[in-house]
Amino acid sequence: MLRDTAPVSVIIPAYNAATSIQRALNSVAAQTLTPAEVIVVDDGSSDDTIAMAKAMQKLFPAGTLLVISQTNKGAGAARNRAIDAATEAYVAFLDADDEWLPTKLERSMDLVTSKNYTLVAHDYMDVTPNGEEYVDCAQRFNEGPDPFVTLYLKGYIPSISVVTLRTAVQEVGGFDEGLRNAQDFDLWLKILSTPKATFTVFGEPLARYFHTPGGIMSHTERRITCCIQIAHRYLPALRVRQKNAFSIFIRRLANIYSEAFSTYIGSGKYFRSAIIPFRFAITAIKAWIHKDCTSDQYGSIFSVIFSIWVIAILRLYLTQFQNFIGPVMNVLRRMMNIE
């Protein structure tokens, strides 16, 4: 029996994804609601990504799976190329190293069409070496009175969960190819900052996110730079919604640097960790000097900066102490056992 078809173009950017692209495409082919088209854009891969993707055409109706090749320009450019080629009313995003659960499109399309949302997203499973962890995006969506503000603060929408109107993406110019990181976060804010946009996040884990090995240090630095740029970019939209927009902006900066601090601590880069609070303070003070702040809460800025600095330094030294005391305790235990 033929399955129903959804007016959805699935967008899959791929770069050196020969070992994972078939898993991603298998998850699309297994959907209980079949997408009308699937577009893979190979972004200048040096492996067999193209061949592995084309080999999957037998799983899809004739003409449904389109594989495009371009020179290496980045994930944002690859997604934009796919969106330009798309013909359906909705687009859904999947990365070449991740996968969807079978009812992802069915549940997303039920919601987006019944409520006429501009965008819908959902929870997901984070696949780690220790197993799968549930990531509750819907909880963050429901945290405050304005989910756009919470999105600005915490960036809780993963690209692999999104179904949105193709025209909504095109009207705002698609992905910013100049951003080397967090392009998807920028696009969701860009779409949802328009007055007519509506969205929701529902609490079902309908995708699996796999961590791809890479250069963690350079990635973290890129993310700091891009996320600060995005925070500045949407401060005007925030001011339309909130009187205390600059305080929210400072909290966003704190979140950015806190994530970076945790990354550096986890990787053992203690010197980089130590300077993170100072970098946060400098960034916040620069924003104040440049008159990004329009509220009367200047004093609170410095109290927030000081609090973050104290917490960060305490975390740093506690971590160092833990790393130091562990070997010492092991030596003491061995001495006691000998005696």
C-alpha atoms as a PDB file:
ATOM      1  CA  MET A   1       0.000   0.000   0.000  1.00  0.00           C
ATOM      2  CA  LEU A   2       1.344   3.434  -0.975  1.00  0.00           C
ATOM      3  CA  ARG A   3       2.056   5.844   1.845  1.00  0.00           C
ATOM      4  CA  ASP A   4       0.809   9.417   1.894  1.00  0.00           C
ATOM      5  CA  THR A   5       3.159  12.086   0.551  1.00  0.00           C
ATOM      6  CA  ALA A   6       3.930  15.335   2.369  1.00  0.00           C
ATOM      7  CA  PRO A   7       4.569  18.658   0.561  1.00  0.00           C
ATOM      8  CA  VAL A   8       8.062  18.737   2.072  1.00  0.00           C
ATOM      9  CA  SER A   9      11.540  19.146   0.600  1.00  0.00           C
ATOM     10  CA  VAL A  10      14.137  17.491   2.834  1.00  0.00           C
ATOM     11  CA  ILE A  11      17.373  19.500   2.897  1.00  0.00           C
ATOM     12  CA  ILE A  12      20.601  17.538   3.569  1.00  0.00           C
ATOM     13  CA  PRO A  13      24.016  19.232   3.346  1.00  0.00           C
ATOM     14  CA  ALA A  14      26.861  16.731   3.194  1.00  0.00           C
ATOM     15  CA  TYR A  15      30.628  17.011   3.490  1.00  0.00           C
ATOM     16  CA  ASN A  16      32.837  13.913   3.643  1.00  0.00           C
ATOM     17  CA  ALA A  17      29.836  11.964   4.917  1.00  0.00           C
ATOM     18  CA  ALA A  18      30.372   8.683   3.051  1.00  0.00           C
ATOM     19  CA  THR A  19      30.162   6.677   6.280  1.00  0.00           C
ATOM     20  CA  SER A  20      26.904   8.259   7.488  1.00  0.00           C
ATOM     21  CA  ILE A  21      24.875   9.591   4.535  1.00  0.00           C
ATOM     22  CA  GLN A  22      23.162   6.263   3.924  1.00  0.00           C
ATOM     23  CA  ARG A  23      22.036   6.072   7.554  1.00  0.00           C
ATOM     24  CA  ALA A  24      20.515   9.551   7.208  1.00  0.00           C
ATOM     25  CA  LEU A  25      18.783   8.712   3.919  1.00  0.00           C
ATOM     26  CA  ASN A  26      17.537   5.387   5.287  1.00  0.00           C
ATOM     27  CA  SER A  27      15.821   7.306   8.093  1.00  0.00           C
ATOM     28  CA  VAL A  28      14.112   9.551   5.520  1.00  0.00           C
ATOM     29  CA  ALA A  29      13.008   6.590   3.411  1.00  0.00           C
ATOM     30  CA  ALA A  30      11.537   4.936   6.543  1.00  0.00           C
ATOM     31  CA  GLN A  31       9.208   7.865   7.305  1.00  0.00           C
ATOM     32  CA  THR A  32       5.559   6.996   7.832  1.00  0.00           C
ATOM     33  CA  LEU A  33       4.766  10.158   5.839  1.00  0.00           C
ATOM     34  CA  THR A  34       6.910  10.270   2.693  1.00  0.00           C
ATOM     35  CA  PRO A  35       8.469  13.616   1.679  1.00  0.00           C
ATOM     36  CA  ALA A  36       7.797  14.761  -1.877  1.00  0.00           C
ATOM     37  CA  GLU A  37      11.494  15.381  -2.510  1.00  0.00           C
ATOM     38  CA  VAL A  38      14.879  14.876  -0.862  1.00  0.00           C
ATOM     39  CA  ILE A  39      17.793  17.121  -1.841  1.00  0.00           C
ATOM     40  CA  VAL A  40      21.368  16.244  -0.905  1.00  0.00           C
ATOM     41  CA  VAL A  41      24.013  18.884  -1.622  1.00  0.00           C
ATOM     42  CA  ASP A  42      27.547  17.557  -1.537  1.00  0.00           C
ATOM     43  CA  ASP A  43      29.766  20.434  -0.416  1.00  0.00           C
ATOM     44  CA  GLY A  44      32.992  19.511  -2.192  1.00  0.00           C
ATOM     45  CA  SER A  45      33.619  16.191  -0.431  1.00  0.00           C
ATOM     46  CA  SER A  46      36.873  14.341  -1.053  1.00  0.00           C
ATOM     47  CA  ASP A  47      35.402  10.913  -0.234  1.00  0.00           C
ATOM     48  CA  ASP A  48      32.591   8.825  -1.774  1.00  0.00           C
ATOM     49  CA  THR A  49      29.702  10.873  -0.375  1.00  0.00           C
ATOM     50  CA  ILE A  50      28.125  11.463  -3.812  1.00  0.00           C
ATOM     51  CA  ALA A  51      28.304   7.815  -4.851  1.00  0.00           C
ATOM     52  CA  MET A  52      26.940   6.615  -1.511  1.00  0.00           C
ATOM     53  CA  ALA A  53      24.039   9.079  -1.728  1.00  0.00           C
ATOM     54  CA  LYS A  54      23.146   8.190  -5.316  1.00  0.00           C
ATOM     55  CA  ALA A  55      23.179   4.495  -4.410  1.00  0.00           C
ATOM     56  CA  MET A  56      20.175   5.190  -2.168  1.00  0.00           C
ATOM     57  CA  GLN A  57      17.925   6.333  -5.033  1.00  0.00           C
ATOM     58  CA  LYS A  58      16.396   2.863  -5.218  1.00  0.00           C
ATOM     59  CA  LEU A  59      14.719   3.492  -1.839  1.00  0.00           C
ATOM     60  CA  PHE A  60      12.794   6.505  -3.133  1.00  0.00           C
ATOM     61  CA  PRO A  61      10.212   6.998  -5.896  1.00  0.00           C
ATOM     62  CA  ALA A  62      11.755   7.933  -9.244  1.00  0.00           C
ATOM     63  CA  GLY A  63      12.912  11.554  -9.344  1.00  0.00           C
ATOM     64  CA  THR A  64      12.424  12.067  -5.607  1.00  0.00           C
ATOM     65  CA  LEU A  65      16.071  11.999  -4.489  1.00  0.00           C
ATOM     66  CA  LEU A  66      18.186  14.765  -6.039  1.00  0.00           C
ATOM     67  CA  VAL A  67      21.961  14.796  -5.436  1.00  0.00           C
ATOM     68  CA  ILE A  68      23.736  18.082  -6.230  1.00  0.00           C
ATOM     69  CA  SER A  69      27.474  18.744  -6.121  1.00  0.00           C
ATOM     70  CA  GLN A  70      29.216  22.063  -5.495  1.00  0.00           C
ATOM     71  CA  THR A  71      32.661  23.315  -4.538  1.00  0.00           C
ATOM     72  CA  ASN A  72      33.276  23.573  -0.809  1.00  0.00           C
ATOM     73  CA  LYS A  73      31.476  26.650   0.528  1.00  0.00           C
ATOM     74  CA  GLY A  74      30.195  25.539   3.922  1.00  0.00           C
ATOM     75  CA  ALA A  75      26.990  24.082   5.351  1.00  0.00           C
ATOM     76  CA  GLY A  76      25.025  27.326   5.026  1.00  0.00           C
ATOM     77  CA  ALA A  77      25.799  27.632   1.317  1.00  0.00           C
ATOM     78  CA  ALA A  78      24.927  23.960   0.781  1.00  0.00           C
ATOM     79  CA  ARG A  79      21.569  24.407   2.511  1.00  0.00           C
ATOM     80  CA  ASN A  80      20.845  27.554   0.508  1.00  0.00           C
ATOM     81  CA  ARG A  81      21.632  25.694  -2.723  1.00  0.00           C
ATOM     82  CA  ALA A  82      19.166  22.973  -1.750  1.00  0.00           C
ATOM     83  CA  ILE A  83      16.488  25.507  -0.801  1.00  0.00           C
ATOM     84  CA  ASP A  84      16.886  27.207  -4.202  1.00  0.00           C
ATOM     85  CA  ALA A  85      16.304  23.835  -5.863  1.00  0.00           C
ATOM     86  CA  ALA A  86      13.334  22.937  -3.636  1.00  0.00           C
ATOM     87  CA  THR A  87       9.804  23.051  -5.042  1.00  0.00           C
ATOM     88  CA  GLU A  88       7.618  22.104  -2.069  1.00  0.00           C
ATOM     89  CA  ALA A  89       5.769  24.413   0.348  1.00  0.00           C
ATOM     90  CA  TYR A  90       7.713  23.200   3.394  1.00  0.00           C
ATOM     91  CA  VAL A  91      11.369  22.391   4.052  1.00  0.00           C
ATOM     92  CA  ALA A  92      12.770  20.046   6.687  1.00  0.00           C
ATOM     93  CA  PHE A  93      16.422  19.869   7.672  1.00  0.00           C
ATOM     94  CA  LEU A  94      18.577  16.829   8.337  1.00  0.00           C
ATOM     95  CA  ASP A  95      22.366  16.698   8.623  1.00  0.00           C
ATOM     96  CA  ALA A  96      24.205  13.912   6.816  1.00  0.00           C
ATOM     97  CA  ASP A  97      25.511  12.393  10.056  1.00  0.00           C
ATOM     98  CA  ASP A  98      22.193  12.371  11.942  1.00  0.00           C
ATOM     99  CA  GLU A  99      18.886  10.542  11.568  1.00  0.00           C
ATOM    100  CA  TRP A 100      15.140  10.889  12.044  1.00  0.00           C
ATOM    101  CA  LEU A 101      12.788   8.533  13.816  1.00  0.00           C
ATOM    102  CA  PRO A 102      10.031   7.112  11.547  1.00  0.00           C
ATOM    103  CA  THR A 103       7.163   9.391  12.669  1.00  0.00           C
ATOM    104  CA  LYS A 104       9.149  12.663  12.569  1.00  0.00           C
ATOM    105  CA  LEU A 105       7.544  14.079   9.416  1.00  0.00           C
ATOM    106  CA  GLU A 106       4.069  12.777  10.191  1.00  0.00           C
ATOM    107  CA  ARG A 107       3.974  14.366  13.652  1.00  0.00           C
ATOM    108  CA  SER A 108       5.593  17.614  12.478  1.00  0.00           C
ATOM    109  CA  MET A 109       3.279  18.056   9.492  1.00  0.00           C
ATOM    110  CA  ASP A 110       0.173  17.288  11.581  1.00  0.00           C
ATOM    111  CA  LEU A 111       1.097  20.150  13.875  1.00  0.00           C
ATOM    112  CA  VAL A 112       2.404  22.711  11.385  1.00  0.00           C
ATOM    113  CA  THR A 113      -0.640  22.405   9.100  1.00  0.00           C
ATOM    114  CA  SER A 114      -3.343  22.133  11.764  1.00  0.00           C
ATOM    115  CA  LYS A 115      -2.181  25.290  13.567  1.00  0.00           C
ATOM    116  CA  ASN A 116      -0.715  27.162  10.567  1.00  0.00           C
ATOM    117  CA  TYR A 117       2.612  27.602  12.320  1.00  0.00           C
ATOM    118  CA  THR A 118       5.506  29.211  10.482  1.00  0.00           C
ATOM    119  CA  LEU A 119       7.903  26.726  12.097  1.00  0.00           C
ATOM    120  CA  VAL A 120       7.712  23.655  14.300  1.00  0.00           C
ATOM    121  CA  ALA A 121      10.479  21.762  16.089  1.00  0.00           C
ATOM    122  CA  HIS A 122      10.755  18.981  18.674  1.00  0.00           C
ATOM    123  CA  ASP A 123      12.974  17.211  21.192  1.00  0.00           C
ATOM    124  CA  TYR A 124      15.806  14.877  20.197  1.00  0.00           C
ATOM    125  CA  MET A 125      18.171  12.204  21.455  1.00  0.00           C
ATOM    126  CA  ASP A 126      21.820  13.125  21.905  1.00  0.00           C
ATOM    127  CA  VAL A 127      23.941  10.078  21.024  1.00  0.00           C
ATOM    128  CA  THR A 128      27.068   9.995  23.202  1.00  0.00           C
ATOM    129  CA  PRO A 129      29.754   7.356  23.846  1.00  0.00           C
ATOM    130  CA  ASN A 130      27.881   6.524  27.061  1.00  0.00           C
ATOM    131  CA  GLY A 131      24.527   6.030  25.355  1.00  0.00           C
ATOM    132  CA  GLU A 132      21.590   8.215  24.354  1.00  0.00           C
ATOM    133  CA  GLU A 133      20.490  11.250  26.360  1.00  0.00           C
ATOM    134  CA  TYR A 134      17.078  12.899  26.034  1.00  0.00           C
ATOM    135  CA  VAL A 135      17.282  16.627  25.226  1.00  0.00           C
ATOM    136  CA  ASP A 136      14.090  18.427  26.303  1.00  0.00           C
ATOM    137  CA  CYS A 137      13.764  21.402  23.933  1.00  0.00           C
ATOM    138  CA  ALA A 138      10.046  21.785  24.628  1.00  0.00           C
ATOM    139  CA  GLN A 139      10.757  22.536  28.290  1.00  0.00           C
ATOM    140  CA  ARG A 140      12.869  25.520  27.282  1.00  0.00           C
ATOM    141  CA  PHE A 141      10.180  26.679  24.865  1.00  0.00           C
ATOM    142  CA  ASN A 142       7.704  26.727  27.748  1.00  0.00           C
ATOM    143  CA  GLU A 143      10.019  28.390  30.302  1.00  0.00           C
ATOM    144  CA  GLY A 144       8.980  32.008  29.897  1.00  0.00           C
ATOM    145  CA  PRO A 145       6.112  34.158  28.628  1.00  0.00           C
ATOM    146  CA  ASP A 146       7.876  34.859  25.311  1.00  0.00           C
ATOM    147  CA  PRO A 147       9.504  31.797  23.665  1.00  0.00           C
ATOM    148  CA  PHE A 148      11.410  34.064  21.247  1.00  0.00           C
ATOM    149  CA  VAL A 149      13.273  35.629  24.182  1.00  0.00           C
ATOM    150  CA  THR A 150      14.093  32.179  25.570  1.00  0.00           C
ATOM    151  CA  LEU A 151      15.266  31.113  22.110  1.00  0.00           C
ATOM    152  CA  TYR A 152      17.538  34.160  21.977  1.00  0.00           C
ATOM    153  CA  LEU A 153      18.958  33.261  25.393  1.00  0.00           C
ATOM    154  CA  LYS A 154      19.403  29.520  24.985  1.00  0.00           C
ATOM    155  CA  GLY A 155      19.148  28.563  21.307  1.00  0.00           C
ATOM    156  CA  TYR A 156      17.041  25.471  21.962  1.00  0.00           C
ATOM    157  CA  ILE A 157      15.963  24.640  18.367  1.00  0.00           C
ATOM    158  CA  PRO A 158      18.176  22.016  16.653  1.00  0.00           C
ATOM    159  CA  SER A 159      18.140  22.159  12.859  1.00  0.00           C
ATOM    160  CA  ILE A 160      17.387  18.427  12.524  1.00  0.00           C
ATOM    161  CA  SER A 161      14.034  18.977  14.247  1.00  0.00           C
ATOM    162  CA  VAL A 162      12.757  21.870  12.111  1.00  0.00           C
ATOM    163  CA  VAL A 163       9.966  21.933   9.561  1.00  0.00           C
ATOM    164  CA  THR A 164       9.190  25.411   8.248  1.00  0.00           C
ATOM    165  CA  LEU A 165       7.637  27.220   5.302  1.00  0.00           C
ATOM    166  CA  ARG A 166      10.029  27.500   2.361  1.00  0.00           C
ATOM    167  CA  THR A 167       8.794  31.041   1.685  1.00  0.00           C
ATOM    168  CA  ALA A 168       9.621  32.024   5.285  1.00  0.00           C
ATOM    169  CA  VAL A 169      13.229  30.986   4.713  1.00  0.00           C
ATOM    170  CA  GLN A 170      13.432  32.724   1.345  1.00  0.00           C
ATOM    171  CA  GLU A 171      11.866  35.971   2.556  1.00  0.00           C
ATOM    172  CA  VAL A 172      14.659  36.480   5.099  1.00  0.00           C
ATOM    173  CA  GLY A 173      17.441  35.561   2.692  1.00  0.00           C
ATOM    174  CA  GLY A 174      18.159  32.017   3.861  1.00  0.00           C
ATOM    175  CA  PHE A 175      21.237  31.029   5.847  1.00  0.00           C
ATOM    176  CA  ASP A 176      23.932  33.653   6.423  1.00  0.00           C
ATOM    177  CA  GLU A 177      26.894  32.134   4.600  1.00  0.00           C
ATOM    178  CA  GLY A 178      29.230  34.632   6.259  1.00  0.00           C
ATOM    179  CA  LEU A 179      28.722  32.989   9.656  1.00  0.00           C
ATOM    180  CA  ARG A 180      31.139  30.114  10.161  1.00  0.00           C
ATOM    181  CA  ASN A 181      29.091  28.749  13.041  1.00  0.00           C
ATOM    182  CA  ALA A 182      25.526  28.918  14.450  1.00  0.00           C
ATOM    183  CA  GLN A 183      23.992  29.663  11.026  1.00  0.00           C
ATOM    184  CA  ASP A 184      20.873  27.702  11.904  1.00  0.00           C
ATOM    185  CA  PHE A 185      20.403  29.584  15.201  1.00  0.00           C
ATOM    186  CA  ASP A 186      20.665  32.849  13.274  1.00  0.00           C
ATOM    187  CA  LEU A 187      18.076  31.721  10.713  1.00  0.00           C
ATOM    188  CA  TRP A 188      15.483  30.687  13.306  1.00  0.00           C
ATOM    189  CA  LEU A 189      15.844  34.071  15.040  1.00  0.00           C
ATOM    190  CA  LYS A 190      15.617  35.842  11.684  1.00  0.00           C
ATOM    191  CA  ILE A 191      12.406  34.023  10.706  1.00  0.00           C
ATOM    192  CA  LEU A 192      10.765  34.248  14.129  1.00  0.00           C
ATOM    193  CA  SER A 193      11.607  37.905  14.800  1.00  0.00           C
ATOM    194  CA  THR A 194       9.080  38.951  12.140  1.00  0.00           C
ATOM    195  CA  PRO A 195       5.727  39.967  13.679  1.00  0.00           C
ATOM    196  CA  LYS A 196       3.639  37.479  11.698  1.00  0.00           C
ATOM    197  CA  ALA A 197       5.751  34.422  12.553  1.00  0.00           C
ATOM    198  CA  THR A 198       4.421  31.753  14.929  1.00  0.00           C
ATOM    199  CA  PHE A 199       6.153  28.613  16.140  1.00  0.00           C
ATOM    200  CA  THR A 200       6.081  25.803  18.652  1.00  0.00           C
ATOM    201  CA  VAL A 201       8.298  23.041  20.000  1.00  0.00           C
ATOM    202  CA  PHE A 202       6.633  19.765  20.947  1.00  0.00           C
ATOM    203  CA  GLY A 203       7.906  17.218  23.406  1.00  0.00           C
ATOM    204  CA  GLU A 204       8.703  14.148  21.347  1.00  0.00           C
ATOM    205  CA  PRO A 205      12.299  12.980  20.677  1.00  0.00           C
ATOM    206  CA  LEU A 206      12.004  12.318  16.948  1.00  0.00           C
ATOM    207  CA  ALA A 207      15.641  12.618  15.845  1.00  0.00           C
ATOM    208  CA  ARG A 208      19.084  11.382  16.840  1.00  0.00           C
ATOM    209  CA  TYR A 209      22.053  13.744  16.922  1.00  0.00           C
ATOM    210  CA  PHE A 210      25.482  12.134  16.529  1.00  0.00           C
ATOM    211  CA  HIS A 211      28.652  13.932  17.590  1.00  0.00           C
ATOM    212  CA  THR A 212      31.149  14.140  14.734  1.00  0.00           C
ATOM    213  CA  PRO A 213      34.830  14.227  15.809  1.00  0.00           C
ATOM    214  CA  GLY A 214      36.570  17.512  15.045  1.00  0.00           C
ATOM    215  CA  GLY A 215      38.773  20.313  16.333  1.00  0.00           C
ATOM    216  CA  ILE A 216      37.032  21.265  19.548  1.00  0.00           C
ATOM    217  CA  MET A 217      39.178  24.291  20.316  1.00  0.00           C
ATOM    218  CA  SER A 218      38.831  26.070  16.976  1.00  0.00           C
ATOM    219  CA  HIS A 219      35.136  25.176  16.897  1.00  0.00           C
ATOM    220  CA  THR A 220      34.607  26.787  20.302  1.00  0.00           C
ATOM    221  CA  GLU A 221      36.384  29.983  19.279  1.00  0.00           C
ATOM    222  CA  ARG A 222      34.314  30.221  16.093  1.00  0.00           C
ATOM    223  CA  ARG A 223      31.134  29.669  18.064  1.00  0.00           C
ATOM    224  CA  ILE A 224      31.973  32.445  20.548  1.00  0.00           C
ATOM    225  CA  THR A 225      32.620  34.917  17.719  1.00  0.00           C
ATOM    226  CA  CYS A 226      29.519  34.025  15.720  1.00  0.00           C
ATOM    227  CA  CYS A 227      27.157  33.859  18.703  1.00  0.00           C
ATOM    228  CA  ILE A 228      28.262  37.295  19.920  1.00  0.00           C
ATOM    229  CA  GLN A 229      27.628  38.669  16.430  1.00  0.00           C
ATOM    230  CA  ILE A 230      24.153  37.098  16.443  1.00  0.00           C
ATOM    231  CA  ALA A 231      23.424  38.455  19.934  1.00  0.00           C
ATOM    232  CA  HIS A 232      24.141  41.989  18.696  1.00  0.00           C
ATOM    233  CA  ARG A 233      22.191  41.423  15.484  1.00  0.00           C
ATOM    234  CA  TYR A 234      18.891  40.619  17.220  1.00  0.00           C
ATOM    235  CA  LEU A 235      19.136  43.097  20.073  1.00  0.00           C
ATOM    236  CA  PRO A 236      16.842  45.552  18.165  1.00  0.00           C
ATOM    237  CA  ALA A 237      14.190  42.813  17.777  1.00  0.00           C
ATOM    238  CA  LEU A 238      14.556  42.080  21.479  1.00  0.00           C
ATOM    239  CA  ARG A 239      13.966  45.732  22.374  1.00  0.00           C
ATOM    240  CA  VAL A 240      10.612  45.640  20.567  1.00  0.00           C
ATOM    241  CA  ARG A 241       9.524  42.818  22.885  1.00  0.00           C
ATOM    242  CA  GLN A 242      11.254  43.627  26.195  1.00  0.00           C
ATOM    243  CA  LYS A 243      11.936  46.796  28.171  1.00  0.00           C
ATOM    244  CA  ASN A 244      14.975  45.184  29.800  1.00  0.00           C
ATOM    245  CA  ALA A 245      16.439  44.033  26.478  1.00  0.00           C
ATOM    246  CA  PHE A 246      20.018  44.889  27.392  1.00  0.00           C
ATOM    247  CA  SER A 247      19.887  42.824  30.577  1.00  0.00           C
ATOM    248  CA  ILE A 248      18.739  39.880  28.439  1.00  0.00           C
ATOM    249  CA  PHE A 249      21.588  40.627  26.048  1.00  0.00           C
ATOM    250  CA  ILE A 250      24.072  40.436  28.955  1.00  0.00           C
ATOM    251  CA  ARG A 251      22.544  37.123  30.044  1.00  0.00           C
ATOM    252  CA  ARG A 252      23.010  35.846  26.500  1.00  0.00           C
ATOM    253  CA  LEU A 253      26.677  36.815  26.598  1.00  0.00           C
ATOM    254  CA  ALA A 254      26.986  35.036  29.948  1.00  0.00           C
ATOM    255  CA  ASN A 255      25.485  31.873  28.415  1.00  0.00           C
ATOM    256  CA  ILE A 256      27.890  32.015  25.462  1.00  0.00           C
ATOM    257  CA  TYR A 257      30.955  32.335  27.674  1.00  0.00           C
ATOM    258  CA  SER A 258      29.669  29.823  30.217  1.00  0.00           C
ATOM    259  CA  GLU A 259      29.341  27.193  27.465  1.00  0.00           C
ATOM    260  CA  ALA A 260      32.857  28.006  26.276  1.00  0.00           C
ATOM    261  CA  PHE A 261      34.163  27.775  29.840  1.00  0.00           C
ATOM    262  CA  SER A 262      32.629  24.314  30.282  1.00  0.00           C
ATOM    263  CA  THR A 263      34.108  23.169  26.965  1.00  0.00           C
ATOM    264  CA  TYR A 264      37.592  24.309  27.892  1.00  0.00           C
ATOM    265  CA  ILE A 265      37.346  22.784  31.378  1.00  0.00           C
ATOM    266  CA  GLY A 266      36.221  19.483  29.891  1.00  0.00           C
ATOM    267  CA  SER A 267      39.141  19.462  27.468  1.00  0.00           C
ATOM    268  CA  GLY A 268      41.702  20.381  30.149  1.00  0.00           C
ATOM    269  CA  LYS A 269      42.511  23.799  28.671  1.00  0.00           C
ATOM    270  CA  TYR A 270      42.787  25.572  32.029  1.00  0.00           C
ATOM    271  CA  PHE A 271      44.549  28.705  30.786  1.00  0.00           C
ATOM    272  CA  ARG A 272      41.818  29.355  28.230  1.00  0.00           C
ATOM    273  CA  SER A 273      39.233  28.694  30.942  1.00  0.00           C
ATOM    274  CA  ALA A 274      40.819  31.248  33.250  1.00  0.00           C
ATOM    275  CA  ILE A 275      40.590  34.102  30.737  1.00  0.00           C
ATOM    276  CA  ILE A 276      36.971  33.410  29.717  1.00  0.00           C
ATOM    277  CA  PRO A 277      35.454  35.575  32.530  1.00  0.00           C
ATOM    278  CA  PHE A 278      37.693  38.486  31.529  1.00  0.00           C
ATOM    279  CA  ARG A 279      36.700  38.150  27.889  1.00  0.00           C
ATOM    280  CA  PHE A 280      33.049  38.196  28.924  1.00  0.00           C
ATOM    281  CA  ALA A 281      33.597  41.347  30.984  1.00  0.00           C
ATOM    282  CA  ILE A 282      35.360  43.119  28.122  1.00  0.00           C
ATOM    283  CA  THR A 283      32.613  42.198  25.651  1.00  0.00           C
ATOM    284  CA  ALA A 284      29.887  43.430  28.003  1.00  0.00           C
ATOM    285  CA  ILE A 285      31.674  46.707  28.739  1.00  0.00           C
ATOM    286  CA  LYS A 286      32.249  47.334  25.012  1.00  0.00           C
ATOM    287  CA  ALA A 287      28.531  46.891  24.389  1.00  0.00           C
ATOM    288  CA  TRP A 288      27.765  49.371  27.166  1.00  0.00           C
ATOM    289  CA  ILE A 289      30.224  51.936  25.794  1.00  0.00           C
ATOM    290  CA  HIS A 290      28.728  51.580  22.319  1.00  0.00           C
ATOM    291  CA  LYS A 291      25.324  52.486  23.775  1.00  0.00           C
ATOM    292  CA  ASP A 292      23.647  49.165  23.058  1.00  0.00           C
ATOM    293  CA  CYS A 293      22.051  49.677  26.462  1.00  0.00           C
ATOM    294  CA  THR A 294      18.954  51.870  26.560  1.00  0.00           C
ATOM    295  CA  SER A 295      17.727  50.898  30.039  1.00  0.00           C
ATOM    296  CA  ASP A 296      18.684  52.400  33.404  1.00  0.00           C
ATOM    297  CA  GLN A 297      20.198  49.163  34.677  1.00  0.00           C
ATOM    298  CA  TYR A 298      23.863  49.998  34.123  1.00  0.00           C
ATOM    299  CA  GLY A 299      24.797  48.986  37.674  1.00  0.00           C
ATOM    300  CA  SER A 300      23.321  45.511  37.253  1.00  0.00           C
ATOM    301  CA  ILE A 301      25.679  44.880  34.335  1.00  0.00           C
ATOM    302  CA  PHE A 302      28.707  44.970  36.577  1.00  0.00           C
ATOM    303  CA  SER A 303      27.079  42.873  39.270  1.00  0.00           C
ATOM    304  CA  VAL A 304      26.289  40.196  36.671  1.00  0.00           C
ATOM    305  CA  ILE A 305      29.846  40.359  35.313  1.00  0.00           C
ATOM    306  CA  PHE A 306      31.325  40.026  38.795  1.00  0.00           C
ATOM    307  CA  SER A 307      29.035  37.101  39.672  1.00  0.00           C
ATOM    308  CA  ILE A 308      29.918  35.233  36.493  1.00  0.00           C
ATOM    309  CA  TRP A 309      33.600  35.860  37.099  1.00  0.00           C
ATOM    310  CA  VAL A 310      33.442  34.520  40.668  1.00  0.00           C
ATOM    311  CA  ILE A 311      31.470  31.418  39.624  1.00  0.00           C
ATOM    312  CA  ALA A 312      33.803  30.706  36.720  1.00  0.00           C
ATOM    313  CA  ILE A 313      36.963  31.043  38.773  1.00  0.00           C
ATOM    314  CA  LEU A 314      35.537  28.844  41.539  1.00  0.00           C
ATOM    315  CA  ARG A 315      34.622  26.190  38.980  1.00  0.00           C
ATOM    316  CA  LEU A 316      38.106  26.381  37.514  1.00  0.00           C
ATOM    317  CA  TYR A 317      39.922  25.915  40.817  1.00  0.00           C
ATOM    318  CA  LEU A 318      37.533  23.225  42.043  1.00  0.00           C
ATOM    319  CA  THR A 319      38.184  21.290  38.856  1.00  0.00           C
ATOM    320  CA  GLN A 320      41.935  21.715  39.199  1.00  0.00           C
ATOM    321  CA  PHE A 321      41.769  20.646  42.853  1.00  0.00           C
ATOM    322  CA  GLN A 322      39.769  17.575  41.892  1.00  0.00           C
ATOM    323  CA  ASN A 323      42.339  16.624  39.266  1.00  0.00           C
ATOM    324  CA  PHE A 324      45.127  17.126  41.808  1.00  0.00           C
ATOM    325  CA  ILE A 325      43.601  15.375  44.789  1.00  0.00           C
ATOM    326  CA  GLY A 326      42.597  12.210  42.895  1.00  0.00           C
ATOM    327  CA  PRO A 327      46.160  10.921  42.279  1.00  0.00           C
ATOM    328  CA  VAL A 328      47.180  11.902  45.833  1.00  0.00           C
ATOM    329  CA  MET A 329      44.324   9.874  47.310  1.00  0.00           C
ATOM    330  CA  ASN A 330      45.269   6.881  45.143  1.00  0.00           C
ATOM    331  CA  VAL A 331      48.830   6.986  46.495  1.00  0.00           C
ATOM    332  CA  LEU A 332      47.534   7.181  50.085  1.00  0.00           C
ATOM    333  CA  ARG A 333      45.229   4.218  49.533  1.00  0.00           C
ATOM    334  CA  ARG A 334      48.096   2.127  48.147  1.00  0.00           C
ATOM    335  CA  MET A 335      50.249   3.064  51.153  1.00  0.00           C
ATOM    336  CA  MET A 336      47.483   2.053  53.566  1.00  0.00           C
ATOM    337  CA  ASN A 337      46.990  -1.247  51.766  1.00  0.00           C
ATOM    338  CA  ILE A 338      50.704  -1.990  51.977  1.00  0.00           C
ATOM    339  CA  GLU A 339      50.748  -1.356  55.709  1.00  0.00           C
END
